[in-house]
Amino acid sequence: MGSIRVYKGMPPLTEEQIRRLDENKPKSDDEIDFSDIPRMTKEELAKFKPARLRLKESKNIAS
């Protein structure tokens, strides 16, 4: 996923910082707890539109 950038003059990472970075490594979907996210209702799902349809809004551009 991401990477750590080290810039000239930066102090080295502490052991605590390295530990915290290791704890935040990417996880698979099976490892993530989604239980605190409420399920969407049928009404909420019905409001969804593909992104390409939402973005096609006419814009008036003055020249």
N, C-alpha and C. Protein backbone atom coordinates (compact mmCIF):
# COMPACT_ATOMS: atom_id res chain seq x y z
N MET A 1 0.82 -1.19 0.00
CA MET A 1 0.00 0.00 0.00
C MET A 1 0.86 1.25 0.00
N GLY A 2 1.14 1.79 1.15
CA GLY A 2 1.91 3.02 1.23
C GLY A 2 3.35 2.74 1.57
N SER A 3 4.09 3.81 1.67
CA SER A 3 5.49 3.68 2.06
C SER A 3 5.85 4.83 2.97
N ILE A 4 6.95 4.68 3.66
CA ILE A 4 7.42 5.71 4.57
C ILE A 4 8.47 6.53 3.85
N ARG A 5 8.31 7.82 3.84
CA ARG A 5 9.30 8.70 3.22
C ARG A 5 10.22 9.24 4.31
N VAL A 6 11.49 9.13 4.06
CA VAL A 6 12.49 9.65 4.99
C VAL A 6 13.17 10.82 4.29
N TYR A 7 13.11 11.97 4.91
CA TYR A 7 13.69 13.17 4.34
C TYR A 7 15.02 13.49 5.02
N LYS A 8 15.85 14.18 4.27
CA LYS A 8 17.15 14.59 4.78
C LYS A 8 16.94 15.41 6.07
N GLY A 9 17.66 15.07 7.10
CA GLY A 9 17.55 15.81 8.35
C GLY A 9 16.50 15.27 9.30
N MET A 10 15.70 14.28 8.86
CA MET A 10 14.69 13.70 9.75
C MET A 10 15.35 12.86 10.82
N PRO A 11 14.88 12.95 12.05
CA PRO A 11 15.44 12.06 13.07
C PRO A 11 14.98 10.63 12.78
N PRO A 12 15.75 9.63 13.18
CA PRO A 12 15.33 8.24 12.95
C PRO A 12 14.06 7.93 13.73
N LEU A 13 13.29 6.97 13.20
CA LEU A 13 12.06 6.56 13.89
C LEU A 13 12.41 5.89 15.22
N THR A 14 11.56 6.14 16.20
CA THR A 14 11.74 5.49 17.50
C THR A 14 11.16 4.08 17.42
N GLU A 15 11.49 3.24 18.38
CA GLU A 15 10.94 1.88 18.42
C GLU A 15 9.42 1.94 18.55
N GLU A 16 8.90 2.89 19.31
CA GLU A 16 7.45 3.05 19.46
C GLU A 16 6.80 3.39 18.12
N GLN A 17 7.40 4.29 17.35
CA GLN A 17 6.85 4.65 16.05
C GLN A 17 6.87 3.46 15.09
N ILE A 18 7.94 2.71 15.10
CA ILE A 18 8.04 1.53 14.25
C ILE A 18 6.98 0.50 14.65
N ARG A 19 6.78 0.30 15.96
CA ARG A 19 5.75 -0.65 16.44
C ARG A 19 4.37 -0.22 15.97
N ARG A 20 4.07 1.08 16.08
CA ARG A 20 2.75 1.58 15.68
C ARG A 20 2.54 1.45 14.17
N LEU A 21 3.58 1.66 13.39
CA LEU A 21 3.48 1.47 11.94
C LEU A 21 3.22 0.01 11.60
N ASP A 22 3.90 -0.90 12.30
CA ASP A 22 3.69 -2.33 12.06
C ASP A 22 2.27 -2.76 12.39
N GLU A 23 1.65 -2.14 13.39
CA GLU A 23 0.28 -2.48 13.77
C GLU A 23 -0.72 -2.05 12.69
N ASN A 24 -0.36 -1.08 11.88
CA ASN A 24 -1.28 -0.54 10.89
C ASN A 24 -1.05 -1.08 9.48
N LYS A 25 -0.46 -2.24 9.38
CA LYS A 25 -0.26 -2.85 8.07
C LYS A 25 -1.61 -3.23 7.48
N PRO A 26 -1.73 -3.27 6.15
CA PRO A 26 -3.00 -3.62 5.51
C PRO A 26 -3.51 -4.98 5.99
N LYS A 27 -4.83 -5.07 6.12
CA LYS A 27 -5.47 -6.30 6.57
C LYS A 27 -6.39 -6.81 5.47
N SER A 28 -6.66 -8.10 5.50
CA SER A 28 -7.63 -8.66 4.56
C SER A 28 -9.03 -8.34 5.09
N ASP A 29 -10.04 -8.45 4.24
CA ASP A 29 -11.42 -8.18 4.65
C ASP A 29 -11.85 -9.07 5.81
N ASP A 30 -11.33 -10.29 5.85
CA ASP A 30 -11.69 -11.21 6.92
C ASP A 30 -11.17 -10.76 8.28
N GLU A 31 -10.13 -9.95 8.30
CA GLU A 31 -9.53 -9.49 9.56
C GLU A 31 -10.15 -8.20 10.07
N ILE A 32 -10.96 -7.53 9.25
CA ILE A 32 -11.52 -6.23 9.62
C ILE A 32 -12.88 -6.43 10.29
N ASP A 33 -13.10 -5.76 11.40
CA ASP A 33 -14.37 -5.83 12.12
C ASP A 33 -15.31 -4.76 11.59
N PHE A 34 -16.33 -5.19 10.84
CA PHE A 34 -17.31 -4.27 10.28
C PHE A 34 -18.59 -4.19 11.13
N SER A 35 -18.59 -4.80 12.30
CA SER A 35 -19.81 -4.92 13.08
C SER A 35 -20.37 -3.58 13.56
N ASP A 36 -19.55 -2.53 13.63
CA ASP A 36 -20.04 -1.24 14.10
C ASP A 36 -20.64 -0.39 12.98
N ILE A 37 -20.64 -0.89 11.75
CA ILE A 37 -21.19 -0.15 10.62
C ILE A 37 -22.63 -0.62 10.39
N PRO A 38 -23.60 0.27 10.47
CA PRO A 38 -24.99 -0.15 10.29
C PRO A 38 -25.25 -0.60 8.86
N ARG A 39 -26.13 -1.58 8.70
CA ARG A 39 -26.51 -2.05 7.37
C ARG A 39 -27.35 -0.98 6.69
N MET A 40 -27.22 -0.86 5.38
CA MET A 40 -28.00 0.13 4.63
C MET A 40 -29.39 -0.41 4.37
N THR A 41 -30.36 0.49 4.38
CA THR A 41 -31.74 0.08 4.11
C THR A 41 -31.95 -0.02 2.60
N LYS A 42 -33.04 -0.65 2.20
CA LYS A 42 -33.36 -0.76 0.77
C LYS A 42 -33.56 0.62 0.16
N GLU A 43 -34.13 1.54 0.94
CA GLU A 43 -34.35 2.90 0.45
C GLU A 43 -33.01 3.61 0.18
N GLU A 44 -32.06 3.44 1.09
CA GLU A 44 -30.74 4.05 0.90
C GLU A 44 -30.03 3.46 -0.33
N LEU A 45 -30.12 2.15 -0.48
CA LEU A 45 -29.48 1.50 -1.62
C LEU A 45 -30.13 1.93 -2.93
N ALA A 46 -31.44 2.17 -2.92
CA ALA A 46 -32.15 2.57 -4.14
C ALA A 46 -31.70 3.95 -4.63
N LYS A 47 -31.15 4.77 -3.75
CA LYS A 47 -30.71 6.12 -4.13
C LYS A 47 -29.36 6.11 -4.87
N PHE A 48 -28.63 5.00 -4.81
CA PHE A 48 -27.33 4.94 -5.45
C PHE A 48 -27.45 4.96 -6.96
N LYS A 49 -26.52 5.65 -7.60
CA LYS A 49 -26.43 5.69 -9.05
C LYS A 49 -24.96 5.47 -9.41
N PRO A 50 -24.71 4.88 -10.57
CA PRO A 50 -23.31 4.73 -10.98
C PRO A 50 -22.63 6.09 -11.05
N ALA A 51 -21.37 6.15 -10.71
CA ALA A 51 -20.63 7.42 -10.67
C ALA A 51 -20.67 8.15 -12.00
N ARG A 52 -20.61 7.43 -13.10
CA ARG A 52 -20.59 8.10 -14.40
C ARG A 52 -21.90 8.84 -14.67
N LEU A 53 -23.01 8.39 -14.08
CA LEU A 53 -24.28 9.09 -14.25
C LEU A 53 -24.36 10.33 -13.36
N ARG A 54 -23.78 10.24 -12.16
CA ARG A 54 -23.81 11.39 -11.25
C ARG A 54 -22.96 12.53 -11.77
N LEU A 55 -21.88 12.21 -12.47
CA LEU A 55 -20.94 13.23 -12.89
C LEU A 55 -21.38 13.97 -14.15
N LYS A 56 -22.37 13.44 -14.85
CA LYS A 56 -22.81 14.08 -16.09
C LYS A 56 -23.86 15.15 -15.81
N GLU A 57 -23.42 16.20 -15.19
CA GLU A 57 -24.30 17.34 -14.94
C GLU A 57 -23.93 18.43 -15.93
N SER A 58 -24.95 19.05 -16.50
CA SER A 58 -24.64 20.11 -17.46
C SER A 58 -24.08 21.32 -16.72
N LYS A 59 -23.07 21.91 -17.31
CA LYS A 59 -22.45 23.08 -16.71
C LYS A 59 -22.52 24.21 -17.72
N ASN A 60 -22.97 25.37 -17.26
CA ASN A 60 -22.99 26.54 -18.13
C ASN A 60 -21.67 27.26 -17.96
N ILE A 61 -20.95 27.36 -19.07
CA ILE A 61 -19.65 28.02 -19.03
C ILE A 61 -19.76 29.30 -19.85
N ALA A 62 -19.55 30.41 -19.20
CA ALA A 62 -19.59 31.71 -19.90
C ALA A 62 -18.28 31.91 -20.62
N SER A 63 -18.38 32.41 -21.85
CA SER A 63 -17.14 32.66 -22.60
C SER A 63 -16.91 34.12 -22.80
